[in-house]
């Protein structure tokens, strides 16, 4: 037992299960608890976690937070293993790089959306499983290097296995931090089922090396970073409306379906979707540019179309917009890519000050004020849009380091 204590650690992903079946090993067991605290847990070392990401979140959390102090061998268990046909417990205390009840699984099955059965199908139909926007196969292609024509992969059902520190350390810490983003956003993400099918495959294959993108969630950003970087900064809605957006920085992705004030009248936009620019003339009248594609772009006055000609734009590139008042505030000129798009006379509207707003419809659009800066600022409304899900959709080609 002394040798076991020195070499092995048991990590348990618990929800509300009774884990007294592990009492003989309580001295080497760490329980990550995501459910109610039962008095029997007092016999174990317990770390409470929010209920996100199923057991894969627990395993990754342990690896990340103990990367430099891992036991020689870590045994990962769920709170209840009896129904999952594991190996006899003694078989996990073997000095192999990986131990588990390994089964062959056709790779064709992970090239399609997962076909859930039983309670998982019921949960999917009820909406309690957060369905992934990609297949398990496409997910794997973005994290590890493997022969994509292989017919079968090795799977350890229920994610019950032991793995050596040596094998874990074949991949850097950032690799595991990046993996965490796929499950750290929902209590029951479908990517948890990806991990269950692929833990052995992930450990056995080399990883894809990627540039690191640092992501900050900032609730009180007093000043802009002085270093030009490719960092991402997430700002709450109130922070942007308090005037931060008025500063001269670049590359802003805005919370969708909300009109944001524009304090600078010259800027560039790249959008894979439509976006709107609204100009408030006075209490009664407003202009609106509806930019969608080369066929449906319009300018309207109080929803009455006054200009309907295709704009010569490419939605894959930045387009520049500029709004200029003449000296006596009698004419507003709208420039598109440095060419006059439209002149709008203002003499009938008793203009004192114009107010400008912009609205995007998803997180794929970027507003740019300063072409010399590379960082991107995201504006979100509370937790309406979970930014970890955003990176799963749009930034698979980077290691994402959430700070």
Protein backbone atom coordinates (compact mmCIF):
# COMPACT_ATOMS: atom_id res chain seq x y z
CA UNK A 1 0.00 0.00 0.00
CA UNK A 2 2.90 2.36 0.66
CA UNK A 3 4.07 1.93 -2.93
CA UNK A 4 0.54 2.61 -4.16
CA UNK A 5 0.35 5.77 -2.04
CA UNK A 6 3.58 7.05 -3.56
CA UNK A 7 2.75 6.27 -7.17
CA UNK A 8 -1.01 6.51 -7.62
CA UNK A 9 -3.80 9.00 -7.17
CA UNK A 10 -7.49 8.33 -7.72
CA UNK A 11 -9.55 11.20 -9.11
CA UNK A 12 -13.33 10.87 -8.86
CA UNK A 13 -15.83 12.91 -10.85
CA UNK A 14 -18.83 12.85 -8.52
CA UNK A 15 -22.32 14.29 -8.85
CA UNK A 16 -24.58 12.73 -6.19
CA UNK A 17 -23.28 9.16 -6.08
CA UNK A 18 -22.27 7.30 -2.94
CA UNK A 19 -18.58 6.50 -3.36
CA UNK A 20 -18.04 4.31 -0.29
CA UNK A 21 -16.87 1.60 -2.66
CA UNK A 22 -13.61 3.59 -2.68
CA UNK A 23 -13.12 3.57 1.11
CA UNK A 24 -10.16 1.16 0.92
CA UNK A 25 -8.37 3.79 -1.20
CA UNK A 26 -9.58 6.95 0.56
CA UNK A 27 -6.04 8.04 1.46
CA UNK A 28 -5.12 8.42 -2.23
CA UNK A 29 -8.52 9.65 -3.47
CA UNK A 30 -9.50 13.18 -4.43
CA UNK A 31 -13.21 13.72 -5.00
CA UNK A 32 -14.32 16.54 -7.28
CA UNK A 33 -17.88 17.12 -6.15
CA UNK A 34 -20.43 18.80 -8.43
CA UNK A 35 -23.57 17.83 -6.53
CA UNK A 36 -24.86 17.87 -2.95
CA UNK A 37 -22.39 17.37 -0.13
CA UNK A 38 -23.13 14.05 1.55
CA UNK A 39 -21.68 13.39 5.05
CA UNK A 40 -19.86 10.30 3.78
CA UNK A 41 -17.62 12.64 1.75
CA UNK A 42 -15.98 13.79 5.00
CA UNK A 43 -13.75 10.73 4.75
CA UNK A 44 -12.17 12.00 1.52
CA UNK A 45 -10.30 14.99 0.23
CA UNK A 46 -13.07 16.92 -1.54
CA UNK A 47 -12.89 19.80 -3.99
CA UNK A 48 -16.21 21.38 -4.96
CA UNK A 49 -16.68 22.44 -8.57
CA UNK A 50 -19.55 24.04 -10.49
CA UNK A 51 -21.62 21.52 -12.41
CA UNK A 52 -20.16 22.04 -15.87
CA UNK A 53 -18.79 19.72 -18.49
CA UNK A 54 -19.48 16.27 -17.04
CA UNK A 55 -16.53 14.07 -16.03
CA UNK A 56 -14.28 15.34 -18.83
CA UNK A 57 -14.32 18.81 -17.25
CA UNK A 58 -13.28 17.25 -13.92
CA UNK A 59 -10.42 15.27 -15.45
CA UNK A 60 -9.08 18.28 -17.34
CA UNK A 61 -9.44 20.53 -14.30
CA UNK A 62 -7.31 18.10 -12.29
CA UNK A 63 -4.63 17.82 -14.97
CA UNK A 64 -4.42 21.59 -15.44
CA UNK A 65 -4.28 22.44 -11.74
CA UNK A 66 -1.82 19.68 -10.87
CA UNK A 67 0.21 19.50 -14.06
CA UNK A 68 3.60 19.83 -12.33
CA UNK A 69 2.65 17.72 -9.28
CA UNK A 70 0.78 14.83 -10.89
CA UNK A 71 1.15 11.38 -9.40
CA UNK A 72 3.12 8.87 -11.44
CA UNK A 73 -0.23 7.35 -12.37
CA UNK A 74 -3.67 8.97 -12.12
CA UNK A 75 -6.78 6.77 -12.04
CA UNK A 76 -9.88 8.58 -13.28
CA UNK A 77 -13.23 7.24 -12.05
CA UNK A 78 -16.80 8.41 -12.26
CA UNK A 79 -18.81 8.41 -9.05
CA UNK A 80 -20.52 5.19 -10.04
CA UNK A 81 -18.67 2.64 -12.15
CA UNK A 82 -20.56 -0.59 -11.54
CA UNK A 83 -22.91 -0.18 -14.53
CA UNK A 84 -20.06 0.64 -16.96
CA UNK A 85 -18.20 -2.71 -17.04
CA UNK A 86 -14.82 -1.42 -15.87
CA UNK A 87 -11.77 -3.52 -15.25
CA UNK A 88 -11.35 -4.92 -11.73
CA UNK A 89 -10.02 -2.01 -9.65
CA UNK A 90 -6.72 -3.78 -9.03
CA UNK A 91 -6.08 -3.71 -12.81
CA UNK A 92 -5.79 0.06 -12.75
CA UNK A 93 -2.83 -0.19 -10.39
CA UNK A 94 -0.53 -1.42 -13.16
CA UNK A 95 2.49 0.50 -14.33
CA UNK A 96 1.34 1.00 -17.92
CA UNK A 97 0.97 4.33 -19.67
CA UNK A 98 -2.76 3.64 -20.08
CA UNK A 99 -5.11 1.09 -18.50
CA UNK A 100 -8.79 0.67 -19.25
CA UNK A 101 -11.43 -1.60 -20.71
CA UNK A 102 -10.48 -0.67 -24.27
CA UNK A 103 -12.94 -1.43 -27.09
CA UNK A 104 -12.72 -0.88 -30.83
CA UNK A 105 -15.12 1.74 -32.21
CA UNK A 106 -15.75 2.39 -35.94
CA UNK A 107 -14.42 5.81 -36.86
CA UNK A 108 -17.27 6.26 -39.35
CA UNK A 109 -19.61 6.66 -36.39
CA UNK A 110 -17.85 9.80 -35.19
CA UNK A 111 -17.98 11.40 -38.65
CA UNK A 112 -21.71 11.93 -38.18
CA UNK A 113 -23.64 13.62 -35.38
CA UNK A 114 -23.79 11.30 -32.38
CA UNK A 115 -26.76 8.97 -32.40
CA UNK A 116 -27.85 9.13 -28.78
CA UNK A 117 -29.82 6.32 -27.14
CA UNK A 118 -31.80 5.85 -23.94
CA UNK A 119 -31.56 8.62 -21.39
CA UNK A 120 -29.14 10.56 -23.60
CA UNK A 121 -31.69 10.66 -26.42
CA UNK A 122 -34.33 11.80 -23.96
CA UNK A 123 -32.03 14.57 -22.68
CA UNK A 124 -31.23 15.66 -26.23
CA UNK A 125 -34.94 15.87 -27.11
CA UNK A 126 -35.59 17.83 -23.90
CA UNK A 127 -32.79 20.24 -24.73
CA UNK A 128 -30.72 19.47 -21.64
CA UNK A 129 -27.79 18.34 -23.81
CA UNK A 130 -26.04 21.27 -25.49
CA UNK A 131 -25.51 19.90 -28.99
CA UNK A 132 -22.11 20.58 -30.52
CA UNK A 133 -21.89 22.62 -33.75
CA UNK A 134 -19.27 20.15 -35.09
CA UNK A 135 -18.90 16.38 -35.28
CA UNK A 136 -16.55 14.42 -33.05
CA UNK A 137 -14.36 13.66 -36.10
CA UNK A 138 -14.02 17.34 -37.07
CA UNK A 139 -13.21 18.13 -33.45
CA UNK A 140 -10.45 15.51 -33.36
CA UNK A 141 -8.97 16.81 -36.62
CA UNK A 142 -8.38 20.14 -34.91
CA UNK A 143 -6.61 18.82 -31.81
CA UNK A 144 -4.51 15.74 -32.67
CA UNK A 145 -2.55 14.26 -35.59
CA UNK A 146 -3.83 10.88 -36.78
CA UNK A 147 -4.44 8.80 -39.88
CA UNK A 148 -7.88 9.99 -40.92
CA UNK A 149 -8.40 6.87 -43.02
CA UNK A 150 -8.08 4.54 -40.04
CA UNK A 151 -11.15 2.33 -39.71
CA UNK A 152 -11.38 2.06 -35.93
CA UNK A 153 -10.31 3.93 -32.83
CA UNK A 154 -9.78 2.59 -29.31
CA UNK A 155 -12.44 3.73 -26.86
CA UNK A 156 -12.80 3.45 -23.10
CA UNK A 157 -16.52 3.71 -22.40
CA UNK A 158 -17.60 5.78 -19.40
CA UNK A 159 -14.12 7.37 -19.31
CA UNK A 160 -12.78 5.03 -16.62
CA UNK A 161 -9.03 4.65 -17.03
CA UNK A 162 -5.59 5.25 -15.57
CA UNK A 163 -2.88 7.24 -17.33
CA UNK A 164 0.75 7.89 -16.52
CA UNK A 165 2.25 11.29 -15.79
CA UNK A 166 4.76 10.54 -18.54
CA UNK A 167 1.97 10.20 -21.09
CA UNK A 168 0.15 13.32 -19.89
CA UNK A 169 3.38 15.32 -20.11
CA UNK A 170 3.85 14.43 -23.75
CA UNK A 171 1.51 17.36 -24.34
CA UNK A 172 2.02 20.84 -22.87
CA UNK A 173 -0.22 22.44 -20.27
CA UNK A 174 -1.75 24.78 -22.86
CA UNK A 175 -3.06 21.74 -24.74
CA UNK A 176 -5.22 20.72 -21.76
CA UNK A 177 -6.26 24.31 -21.05
CA UNK A 178 -7.42 24.52 -24.64
CA UNK A 179 -9.36 21.25 -24.38
CA UNK A 180 -11.21 22.56 -21.33
CA UNK A 181 -13.00 25.20 -23.40
CA UNK A 182 -15.05 22.52 -25.17
CA UNK A 183 -16.84 21.48 -21.99
CA UNK A 184 -16.51 24.44 -19.62
CA UNK A 185 -19.65 26.24 -20.75
CA UNK A 186 -22.65 23.97 -20.02
CA UNK A 187 -23.69 21.29 -17.48
CA UNK A 188 -24.20 18.74 -20.24
CA UNK A 189 -22.21 19.63 -23.38
CA UNK A 190 -22.18 17.08 -26.17
CA UNK A 191 -18.40 17.40 -26.35
CA UNK A 192 -18.35 15.42 -23.11
CA UNK A 193 -19.46 12.45 -25.20
CA UNK A 194 -16.62 13.23 -27.63
CA UNK A 195 -14.09 12.90 -24.82
CA UNK A 196 -15.61 9.62 -23.64
CA UNK A 197 -15.05 8.12 -27.08
CA UNK A 198 -11.59 9.60 -27.57
CA UNK A 199 -9.55 9.78 -24.34
CA UNK A 200 -7.29 6.88 -25.35
CA UNK A 201 -7.00 8.24 -28.91
CA UNK A 202 -6.08 11.71 -27.62
CA UNK A 203 -3.38 10.44 -25.26
CA UNK A 204 -1.90 8.06 -27.85
CA UNK A 205 -1.54 10.55 -30.72
CA UNK A 206 0.60 13.64 -31.08
CA UNK A 207 -1.06 17.03 -30.75
CA UNK A 208 -1.41 19.79 -33.34
CA UNK A 209 0.81 22.73 -32.46
CA UNK A 210 -0.96 26.07 -32.66
CA UNK A 211 -0.44 29.74 -31.90
CA UNK A 212 -1.68 30.74 -28.46
CA UNK A 213 -4.49 33.27 -28.20
CA UNK A 214 -4.87 34.80 -24.73
CA UNK A 215 -8.45 35.64 -23.80
CA UNK A 216 -9.29 38.01 -20.95
CA UNK A 217 -12.67 38.65 -19.40
CA UNK A 218 -12.46 42.24 -18.15
CA UNK A 219 -15.05 43.97 -16.03
CA UNK A 220 -13.20 47.14 -15.26
CA UNK A 221 -10.74 48.01 -18.01
CA UNK A 222 -9.31 51.44 -17.12
CA UNK A 223 -6.92 51.80 -20.02
CA UNK A 224 -5.91 50.08 -23.22
CA UNK A 225 -2.95 47.71 -23.24
CA UNK A 226 0.15 49.51 -24.43
CA UNK A 227 1.50 46.46 -26.24
CA UNK A 228 0.16 45.73 -29.69
CA UNK A 229 -0.96 42.11 -29.42
CA UNK A 230 -3.33 39.46 -30.69
CA UNK A 231 -5.03 39.20 -27.31
CA UNK A 232 -8.80 39.16 -26.99
CA UNK A 233 -10.59 41.20 -24.33
CA UNK A 234 -14.21 40.60 -23.36
CA UNK A 235 -16.08 43.56 -21.95
CA UNK A 236 -19.51 43.71 -20.36
CA UNK A 237 -22.11 45.84 -22.09
CA UNK A 238 -22.16 48.58 -19.43
CA UNK A 239 -18.39 49.02 -19.73
CA UNK A 240 -18.67 49.80 -23.45
CA UNK A 241 -21.57 52.17 -23.00
CA UNK A 242 -19.72 54.04 -20.27
CA UNK A 243 -17.41 55.43 -22.92
CA UNK A 244 -14.67 52.87 -23.44
CA UNK A 245 -15.77 52.47 -27.03
CA UNK A 246 -15.08 56.18 -27.50
CA UNK A 247 -11.35 55.60 -27.17
CA UNK A 248 -9.15 55.17 -30.20
CA UNK A 249 -8.68 51.43 -30.36
CA UNK A 250 -9.52 48.84 -32.92
CA UNK A 251 -11.22 45.58 -33.78
CA UNK A 252 -14.42 45.41 -31.76
CA UNK A 253 -16.97 42.63 -32.00
CA UNK A 254 -20.28 43.78 -30.60
CA UNK A 255 -23.10 42.08 -28.79
CA UNK A 256 -25.62 41.13 -31.53
CA UNK A 257 -28.96 42.86 -32.10
CA UNK A 258 -28.14 45.94 -30.06
CA UNK A 259 -27.54 49.46 -31.34
CA UNK A 260 -24.18 50.68 -30.02
CA UNK A 261 -23.25 54.38 -30.03
CA UNK A 262 -20.47 55.41 -32.39
CA UNK A 263 -18.32 58.26 -31.16
CA UNK A 264 -16.04 58.22 -34.19
CA UNK A 265 -17.54 58.85 -37.59
CA UNK A 266 -14.84 57.15 -39.64
CA UNK A 267 -14.35 53.41 -39.29
CA UNK A 268 -14.17 50.11 -41.12
CA UNK A 269 -16.38 47.04 -40.89
CA UNK A 270 -15.95 43.43 -41.89
CA UNK A 271 -19.10 41.38 -41.70
CA UNK A 272 -20.10 37.95 -42.95
CA UNK A 273 -23.65 38.96 -42.19
CA UNK A 274 -25.72 42.09 -42.48
CA UNK A 275 -25.21 45.10 -40.25
CA UNK A 276 -27.07 48.38 -39.75
CA UNK A 277 -25.98 51.95 -39.13
CA UNK A 278 -28.54 54.29 -37.65
CA UNK A 279 -28.19 58.10 -37.62
CA UNK A 280 -30.58 59.94 -35.33
CA UNK A 281 -31.39 63.33 -36.93
CA UNK A 282 -33.77 64.57 -34.22
CA UNK A 283 -36.59 63.25 -32.04
CA UNK A 284 -38.69 62.31 -35.08
CA UNK A 285 -36.36 61.35 -37.90
CA UNK A 286 -33.52 58.92 -38.43
CA UNK A 287 -31.52 57.57 -41.33
CA UNK A 288 -30.64 53.91 -41.51
CA UNK A 289 -28.11 52.08 -43.69
CA UNK A 290 -29.01 48.43 -44.11
CA UNK A 291 -25.93 46.68 -45.44
CA UNK A 292 -26.46 43.03 -46.29
CA UNK A 293 -25.12 42.06 -49.69
CA UNK A 294 -24.70 43.63 -53.10
CA UNK A 295 -28.36 43.18 -53.94
CA UNK A 296 -30.27 44.40 -50.90
CA UNK A 297 -28.30 47.35 -49.45
CA UNK A 298 -30.47 50.36 -48.80
CA UNK A 299 -30.64 53.74 -47.10
CA UNK A 300 -33.93 54.59 -45.43
CA UNK A 301 -35.49 57.62 -43.81
CA UNK A 302 -37.82 56.44 -41.03
CA UNK A 303 -38.07 53.05 -42.76
CA UNK A 304 -38.92 54.60 -46.12
CA UNK A 305 -36.29 53.61 -48.68
CA UNK A 306 -34.61 56.62 -50.26
CA UNK A 307 -31.64 54.86 -51.82
CA UNK A 308 -31.61 51.35 -53.24
CA UNK A 309 -28.57 50.60 -55.35
CA UNK A 310 -26.06 47.78 -54.92
CA UNK A 311 -23.02 48.79 -52.90
CA UNK A 312 -19.80 47.54 -54.38
CA UNK A 313 -18.53 45.70 -51.31
CA UNK A 314 -16.93 42.40 -50.44
CA UNK A 315 -18.23 41.04 -47.13
CA UNK A 316 -15.00 39.06 -46.64
CA UNK A 317 -12.93 42.25 -46.48
CA UNK A 318 -13.07 45.45 -44.48
CA UNK A 319 -15.06 48.27 -46.00
CA UNK A 320 -14.52 51.84 -44.87
CA UNK A 321 -17.32 54.23 -43.96
CA UNK A 322 -17.12 57.92 -43.20
CA UNK A 323 -19.82 60.44 -42.29
CA UNK A 324 -19.12 64.15 -42.74
CA UNK A 325 -21.20 67.23 -42.00
CA UNK A 326 -20.52 70.38 -43.96
CA UNK A 327 -19.68 73.53 -42.01
CA UNK A 328 -23.20 74.88 -41.72
CA UNK A 329 -24.63 71.41 -40.87
CA UNK A 330 -26.89 71.47 -43.89
CA UNK A 331 -25.51 68.43 -45.69
CA UNK A 332 -24.48 64.98 -44.54
CA UNK A 333 -22.18 63.12 -46.94
CA UNK A 334 -21.75 59.36 -46.59
CA UNK A 335 -18.55 57.89 -47.96
CA UNK A 336 -18.06 54.24 -48.81
CA UNK A 337 -14.47 53.14 -49.45
CA UNK A 338 -13.48 56.81 -49.80
CA UNK A 339 -16.07 57.44 -52.53
CA UNK A 340 -19.24 59.47 -52.07
CA UNK A 341 -22.13 57.10 -51.63
CA UNK A 342 -24.94 59.49 -50.75
CA UNK A 343 -25.61 63.18 -49.97
CA UNK A 344 -28.47 63.85 -47.62
CA UNK A 345 -29.73 67.44 -47.18
CA UNK A 346 -30.41 68.41 -43.57
CA UNK A 347 -31.94 71.87 -43.87
CA UNK A 348 -35.48 70.61 -43.12
CA UNK A 349 -34.54 68.78 -39.92
CA UNK A 350 -33.36 71.48 -37.53
CA UNK A 351 -30.08 69.69 -36.81
CA UNK A 352 -28.11 70.49 -33.66
CA UNK A 353 -26.22 67.22 -33.25
CA UNK A 354 -26.30 63.86 -35.00
CA UNK A 355 -26.10 60.60 -33.08
CA UNK A 356 -24.67 57.50 -34.72
CA UNK A 357 -25.26 53.85 -33.85
CA UNK A 358 -24.24 50.49 -35.30
CA UNK A 359 -25.82 47.05 -34.93
CA UNK A 360 -24.40 43.61 -35.78
CA UNK A 361 -26.42 40.42 -35.97
CA UNK A 362 -23.85 37.86 -34.82
CA UNK A 363 -20.31 37.63 -33.47
CA UNK A 364 -18.65 37.25 -36.86
CA UNK A 365 -18.52 41.00 -37.58
CA UNK A 366 -15.67 43.33 -36.65
CA UNK A 367 -15.69 47.10 -36.20
CA UNK A 368 -12.28 48.73 -36.72
CA UNK A 369 -11.09 52.22 -35.80
CA UNK A 370 -7.33 51.78 -35.81
CA UNK A 371 -5.68 49.53 -38.40
CA UNK A 372 -2.39 49.48 -36.49
CA UNK A 373 -3.71 47.45 -33.56
CA UNK A 374 -4.28 43.69 -33.61
CA UNK A 375 -6.10 42.90 -30.38
CA UNK A 376 -9.83 42.25 -30.51
CA UNK A 377 -12.36 43.55 -28.01
CA UNK A 378 -15.68 41.76 -27.59
CA UNK A 379 -18.70 43.35 -26.03
CA UNK A 380 -21.20 40.99 -24.47
CA UNK A 381 -24.38 41.41 -22.48
CA UNK A 382 -23.93 39.61 -19.18
CA UNK A 383 -23.90 35.87 -19.95
CA UNK A 384 -26.32 36.03 -22.88
CA UNK A 385 -23.56 34.78 -25.15
CA UNK A 386 -21.02 32.43 -23.65
CA UNK A 387 -17.66 33.36 -25.08
CA UNK A 388 -16.18 29.88 -24.65
CA UNK A 389 -18.75 28.58 -27.09
CA UNK A 390 -17.70 31.36 -29.45
CA UNK A 391 -14.14 30.07 -29.55
CA UNK A 392 -15.36 26.55 -30.22
CA UNK A 393 -17.09 27.84 -33.33
CA UNK A 394 -14.65 30.43 -34.68
CA UNK A 395 -11.14 29.74 -33.31
CA UNK A 396 -10.42 26.03 -33.63
CA UNK A 397 -7.02 26.79 -35.16
CA UNK A 398 -5.63 28.39 -31.99
CA UNK A 399 -4.78 27.26 -28.50
CA UNK A 400 -7.12 29.34 -26.37
CA UNK A 401 -5.74 30.39 -23.01
CA UNK A 402 -8.50 31.88 -20.84
CA UNK A 403 -7.04 34.23 -18.24
